[in-house]
Amino acid sequence: MSAALPSPMSRQTSHSSKRQKTDHEQDDDGIPIPEVTDLDYVNLTTHADTFGIDPVPISWAHPDPLVRGPVICTVRHFNQRNAIGAHSGSYCIYSGLALAAGKLSPDYVPNLKLTSPVCKIGPHPSWNDPKKIASIDPFGHLTTEAYGAYLDKGFDIRPTIAVTKAHIDLPECREAIRTGRLKPDGKILKPSGQSIVTKAAIEPVWYLPEIARRFGCTESHLRQSIFRMTNGMYPELITRPDIKIFLPPIGGLVSTLLIFIVDTCM
């Protein structure tokens, strides 16, 4: 007599780590207990009402980053993810290739030390208005500063904005210096034509309710349209209406913003 196969529910919950505390239970600091996923099981999708699913709460546009909550879209915390998609956009496929080739450990977590922004950016009032900020995470460059307690506790949270300094050489600036339209000040614009800028590499983070509003459709229709036109790449757009954050695979790895400023505070 053959052994009975495990039920679909037991198979779905078998991939997760053993829970030591109940859902939403947390320490006195208000931060949930991280659950580390066992990657020996592949689940095609998740559902909000499935046992064990317990996404870290996120309150988009709240001015306090701890109350707003971190964007968690890594494979390490399967049950606690609060975003659909994957980091690095379309380049996330290379993580899969590295894993398949045995060159990347499935337990890999990046060291975020020395990744703080080189200059202070914000906060600004627009960060607290969901109708103004809907396609990036305004706290995406402050992972170690705003969510250090989460990192110390064992959460794998990735930055979505990297801020650094850069020297760029624009032909338009050299031409403007030559014709006298621009005068080098030595701080932002060098006599050589080089410009000293603050550079921000930005990974898109969509707040779906506001994205839908901007396109004049319902959130449900937006989710269905993206799901259909990506050949079902992201089934959680349909099965997880409780998750409002989406990291879309667009624009290569990142978009780059060059900021010309005099001081180091924006």
Protein backbone atom coordinates (compact mmCIF):
# COMPACT_ATOMS: atom_id res chain seq x y z
CA MET A 1 0.00 0.00 0.00
CA SER A 2 1.51 3.29 -1.07
CA ALA A 3 1.97 6.16 1.33
CA ALA A 4 -0.49 9.00 1.10
CA LEU A 5 0.75 12.18 -0.54
CA PRO A 6 0.84 15.30 1.63
CA SER A 7 -2.08 17.62 1.21
CA PRO A 8 -1.63 20.80 -0.88
CA MET A 9 -1.85 22.87 2.30
CA SER A 10 0.88 20.90 4.01
CA ARG A 11 3.07 21.13 0.92
CA GLN A 12 2.56 24.86 0.72
CA THR A 13 3.59 25.43 4.31
CA SER A 14 6.48 22.98 4.28
CA HIS A 15 8.87 25.48 2.64
CA SER A 16 8.79 27.99 5.46
CA SER A 17 10.94 28.01 8.54
CA LYS A 18 9.62 26.80 11.84
CA ARG A 19 7.67 29.54 13.54
CA GLN A 20 8.69 30.30 17.08
CA LYS A 21 6.00 32.88 17.64
CA THR A 22 2.47 33.39 16.41
CA ASP A 23 1.45 35.62 13.49
CA HIS A 24 2.15 39.32 13.99
CA GLU A 25 3.92 38.53 17.26
CA GLN A 26 6.89 40.76 17.88
CA ASP A 27 9.35 41.85 20.52
CA ASP A 28 8.96 44.97 22.64
CA ASP A 29 10.56 47.09 19.91
CA GLY A 30 7.49 46.62 17.71
CA ILE A 31 9.47 44.87 14.97
CA PRO A 32 8.19 41.45 13.86
CA ILE A 33 10.28 38.34 14.33
CA PRO A 34 11.95 37.52 10.97
CA GLU A 35 11.19 34.15 9.42
CA VAL A 36 13.91 32.77 7.18
CA THR A 37 12.55 30.81 4.24
CA ASP A 38 13.81 27.34 3.40
CA LEU A 39 14.34 27.47 -0.37
CA ASP A 40 14.00 23.73 -0.97
CA TYR A 41 10.37 24.22 -2.03
CA VAL A 42 9.07 26.17 -5.03
CA ASN A 43 5.66 27.77 -4.67
CA LEU A 44 3.98 29.14 -7.80
CA THR A 45 2.07 31.85 -5.95
CA THR A 46 0.65 32.84 -2.58
CA HIS A 47 -2.75 33.81 -1.26
CA ALA A 48 -3.58 36.30 1.45
CA ASP A 49 -5.65 33.81 3.45
CA THR A 50 -3.09 30.98 3.36
CA PHE A 51 -1.82 29.75 6.71
CA GLY A 52 1.53 31.31 7.60
CA ILE A 53 1.31 34.29 5.23
CA ASP A 54 2.05 37.31 7.40
CA PRO A 55 3.40 40.32 5.43
CA VAL A 56 5.15 43.06 7.36
CA PRO A 57 2.64 45.95 7.52
CA ILE A 58 3.33 48.95 5.32
CA SER A 59 1.53 52.29 5.49
CA TRP A 60 2.49 54.11 2.32
CA ALA A 61 3.21 57.86 2.65
CA HIS A 62 3.45 57.85 6.44
CA PRO A 63 6.13 60.40 7.46
CA ASP A 64 7.73 58.10 10.03
CA PRO A 65 9.72 55.40 8.18
CA LEU A 66 9.26 52.92 11.02
CA VAL A 67 5.49 53.37 10.92
CA ARG A 68 5.54 53.36 7.12
CA GLY A 69 7.45 50.09 7.26
CA PRO A 70 10.26 48.73 5.08
CA VAL A 71 9.71 47.41 1.57
CA ILE A 72 10.54 43.70 1.78
CA CYS A 73 10.84 41.99 -1.59
CA THR A 74 13.57 39.42 -1.04
CA VAL A 75 13.29 35.64 -1.21
CA ARG A 76 14.61 35.23 2.33
CA HIS A 77 11.30 36.10 3.99
CA PHE A 78 8.69 34.40 1.83
CA ASN A 79 5.78 34.71 4.26
CA GLN A 80 6.61 38.27 5.33
CA ARG A 81 7.13 39.91 1.94
CA ASN A 82 5.04 43.03 1.46
CA ALA A 83 5.94 43.66 -2.19
CA ILE A 84 5.43 41.81 -5.46
CA GLY A 85 8.29 41.31 -7.91
CA ALA A 86 12.03 41.26 -7.31
CA HIS A 87 14.88 43.68 -6.76
CA SER A 88 17.16 44.75 -9.66
CA GLY A 89 14.39 44.78 -12.23
CA SER A 90 15.03 42.64 -15.30
CA TYR A 91 18.54 41.90 -14.01
CA CYS A 92 17.15 39.68 -11.24
CA ILE A 93 17.45 36.82 -13.74
CA TYR A 94 21.22 36.90 -13.22
CA SER A 95 20.75 36.05 -9.56
CA GLY A 96 18.90 32.94 -10.70
CA LEU A 97 21.71 32.06 -13.13
CA ALA A 98 24.34 32.53 -10.42
CA LEU A 99 22.32 30.32 -8.07
CA ALA A 100 21.91 27.63 -10.74
CA ALA A 101 25.64 27.70 -11.47
CA GLY A 102 26.45 27.28 -7.80
CA LYS A 103 28.18 30.66 -7.65
CA LEU A 104 25.67 32.27 -5.30
CA SER A 105 24.48 30.91 -1.99
CA PRO A 106 20.68 30.90 -1.58
CA ASP A 107 21.31 32.29 1.91
CA TYR A 108 23.34 35.25 0.63
CA VAL A 109 22.60 38.58 2.29
CA PRO A 110 24.56 41.67 1.17
CA ASN A 111 26.66 43.64 3.63
CA LEU A 112 25.13 47.12 3.69
CA LYS A 113 27.84 48.74 5.77
CA LEU A 114 29.28 51.91 4.26
CA THR A 115 26.26 52.27 1.95
CA SER A 116 24.76 55.37 3.57
CA PRO A 117 24.07 58.30 1.20
CA VAL A 118 26.97 60.73 0.77
CA CYS A 119 24.60 63.64 1.35
CA LYS A 120 21.33 64.15 3.16
CA ILE A 121 18.21 64.09 1.01
CA GLY A 122 14.87 64.97 2.60
CA PRO A 123 12.55 64.30 4.15
CA HIS A 124 10.20 66.52 2.17
CA PRO A 125 6.44 67.14 2.53
CA SER A 126 5.81 65.37 -0.80
CA TRP A 127 6.99 62.12 0.78
CA ASN A 128 3.86 62.16 2.93
CA ASP A 129 1.44 62.53 0.01
CA PRO A 130 0.62 59.28 -1.84
CA LYS A 131 -0.57 61.34 -4.82
CA LYS A 132 2.93 62.78 -5.25
CA ILE A 133 5.17 59.80 -4.51
CA ALA A 134 4.00 56.60 -6.17
CA SER A 135 6.80 55.17 -8.32
CA ILE A 136 9.80 55.21 -5.95
CA ASP A 137 10.39 54.50 -2.29
CA PRO A 138 11.40 57.87 -0.76
CA PHE A 139 13.14 56.00 2.07
CA GLY A 140 14.88 53.67 -0.37
CA HIS A 141 18.28 55.27 0.27
CA LEU A 142 17.94 55.15 4.07
CA THR A 143 17.78 51.39 4.59
CA THR A 144 20.59 51.23 7.15
CA GLU A 145 19.53 54.44 8.88
CA ALA A 146 15.75 54.05 8.99
CA TYR A 147 15.57 50.24 9.22
CA GLY A 148 18.78 49.38 11.02
CA ALA A 149 16.79 47.70 13.79
CA TYR A 150 15.19 45.40 11.18
CA LEU A 151 18.61 44.55 9.76
CA ASP A 152 20.04 43.87 13.22
CA LYS A 153 17.16 41.52 13.86
CA GLY A 154 17.92 39.47 10.75
CA PHE A 155 15.67 40.91 8.04
CA ASP A 156 17.03 41.01 4.49
CA ILE A 157 16.02 44.48 3.28
CA ARG A 158 17.58 45.94 0.15
CA PRO A 159 18.07 49.62 -0.72
CA THR A 160 16.24 50.85 -3.82
CA ILE A 161 18.16 54.13 -4.13
CA ALA A 162 21.93 54.60 -4.09
CA VAL A 163 23.33 58.11 -3.63
CA THR A 164 26.93 59.03 -4.37
CA LYS A 165 29.12 61.80 -5.76
CA ALA A 166 30.34 61.84 -9.34
CA HIS A 167 32.30 63.90 -11.86
CA ILE A 168 30.65 64.02 -15.27
CA ASP A 169 31.87 65.54 -18.50
CA LEU A 170 29.04 67.00 -20.58
CA PRO A 171 29.92 68.29 -24.07
CA GLU A 172 27.15 70.88 -23.67
CA CYS A 173 28.89 72.36 -20.62
CA ARG A 174 32.24 72.55 -22.42
CA GLU A 175 30.59 74.31 -25.33
CA ALA A 176 28.78 76.71 -22.98
CA ILE A 177 32.08 77.59 -21.28
CA ARG A 178 33.74 78.15 -24.64
CA THR A 179 31.01 80.53 -25.80
CA GLY A 180 30.80 82.31 -22.45
CA ARG A 181 27.27 81.21 -21.59
CA LEU A 182 28.57 79.45 -18.46
CA LYS A 183 31.33 80.52 -16.12
CA PRO A 184 33.07 77.85 -14.02
CA ASP A 185 32.73 78.42 -10.28
CA GLY A 186 35.17 75.68 -9.25
CA LYS A 187 32.57 74.05 -7.01
CA ILE A 188 29.91 72.70 -9.37
CA LEU A 189 31.49 73.46 -12.72
CA LYS A 190 35.23 73.08 -13.23
CA PRO A 191 37.22 75.11 -15.81
CA SER A 192 37.77 71.84 -17.68
CA GLY A 193 34.02 71.54 -18.22
CA GLN A 194 33.56 68.73 -15.72
CA SER A 195 30.57 69.00 -13.40
CA ILE A 196 30.52 67.80 -9.79
CA VAL A 197 27.13 66.26 -9.12
CA THR A 198 25.23 64.10 -6.69
CA LYS A 199 24.20 60.92 -8.45
CA ALA A 200 21.20 58.82 -7.48
CA ALA A 201 20.54 55.39 -8.98
CA ILE A 202 16.85 54.61 -8.51
CA GLU A 203 15.00 51.31 -8.66
CA PRO A 204 11.25 51.71 -9.32
CA VAL A 205 8.87 50.89 -6.48
CA TRP A 206 5.20 51.27 -7.45
CA TYR A 207 2.34 51.99 -5.10
CA LEU A 208 -0.38 50.32 -7.15
CA PRO A 209 -3.46 52.24 -5.91
CA GLU A 210 -1.94 55.58 -6.95
CA ILE A 211 -0.50 54.22 -10.20
CA ALA A 212 -4.01 53.03 -11.09
CA ARG A 213 -5.50 56.43 -10.21
CA ARG A 214 -3.02 58.20 -12.48
CA PHE A 215 -3.94 55.94 -15.37
CA GLY A 216 -7.64 56.46 -14.75
CA CYS A 217 -8.47 52.84 -14.02
CA THR A 218 -9.21 50.63 -11.06
CA GLU A 219 -6.41 48.90 -9.22
CA SER A 220 -7.95 45.55 -10.13
CA HIS A 221 -7.93 46.41 -13.85
CA LEU A 222 -4.31 47.59 -13.61
CA ARG A 223 -3.25 44.34 -11.94
CA GLN A 224 -5.08 42.22 -14.51
CA SER A 225 -3.62 44.19 -17.42
CA ILE A 226 -0.02 43.87 -16.20
CA PHE A 227 -0.54 40.18 -15.43
CA ARG A 228 -1.98 39.54 -18.89
CA MET A 229 0.63 41.49 -20.87
CA THR A 230 3.56 39.91 -19.00
CA ASN A 231 2.29 36.41 -19.81
CA GLY A 232 1.49 35.72 -16.19
CA MET A 233 4.95 36.56 -14.84
CA TYR A 234 3.52 37.89 -11.57
CA PRO A 235 0.52 35.80 -10.45
CA GLU A 236 0.52 37.58 -7.09
CA LEU A 237 -0.84 40.64 -8.87
CA ILE A 238 -4.04 38.59 -8.99
CA THR A 239 -3.79 36.38 -5.93
CA ARG A 240 -2.45 38.98 -3.47
CA PRO A 241 -4.69 42.09 -3.57
CA ASP A 242 -3.53 42.77 -0.01
CA ILE A 243 -0.03 43.62 -1.27
CA LYS A 244 -0.03 47.13 -2.70
CA ILE A 245 3.67 47.46 -3.61
CA PHE A 246 5.13 46.23 -6.90
CA LEU A 247 8.74 46.25 -8.10
CA PRO A 248 8.35 46.19 -11.90
CA PRO A 249 11.03 44.76 -14.24
CA ILE A 250 11.49 47.96 -16.22
CA GLY A 251 14.22 50.27 -17.42
CA GLY A 252 17.15 47.89 -17.14
CA LEU A 253 18.76 47.85 -13.72
CA VAL A 254 18.15 51.41 -12.55
CA SER A 255 17.31 54.91 -13.63
CA THR A 256 19.95 57.54 -12.90
CA LEU A 257 19.33 61.04 -11.62
CA LEU A 258 22.05 63.70 -11.70
CA ILE A 259 21.63 66.52 -9.20
CA PHE A 260 23.53 69.77 -9.54
CA ILE A 261 23.75 71.39 -6.08
CA VAL A 262 26.09 73.69 -4.15
CA ASP A 263 25.60 72.43 -0.59
CA THR A 264 25.17 68.87 0.68
CA CYS A 265 21.65 69.20 2.03
CA MET A 266 18.55 68.75 -0.11
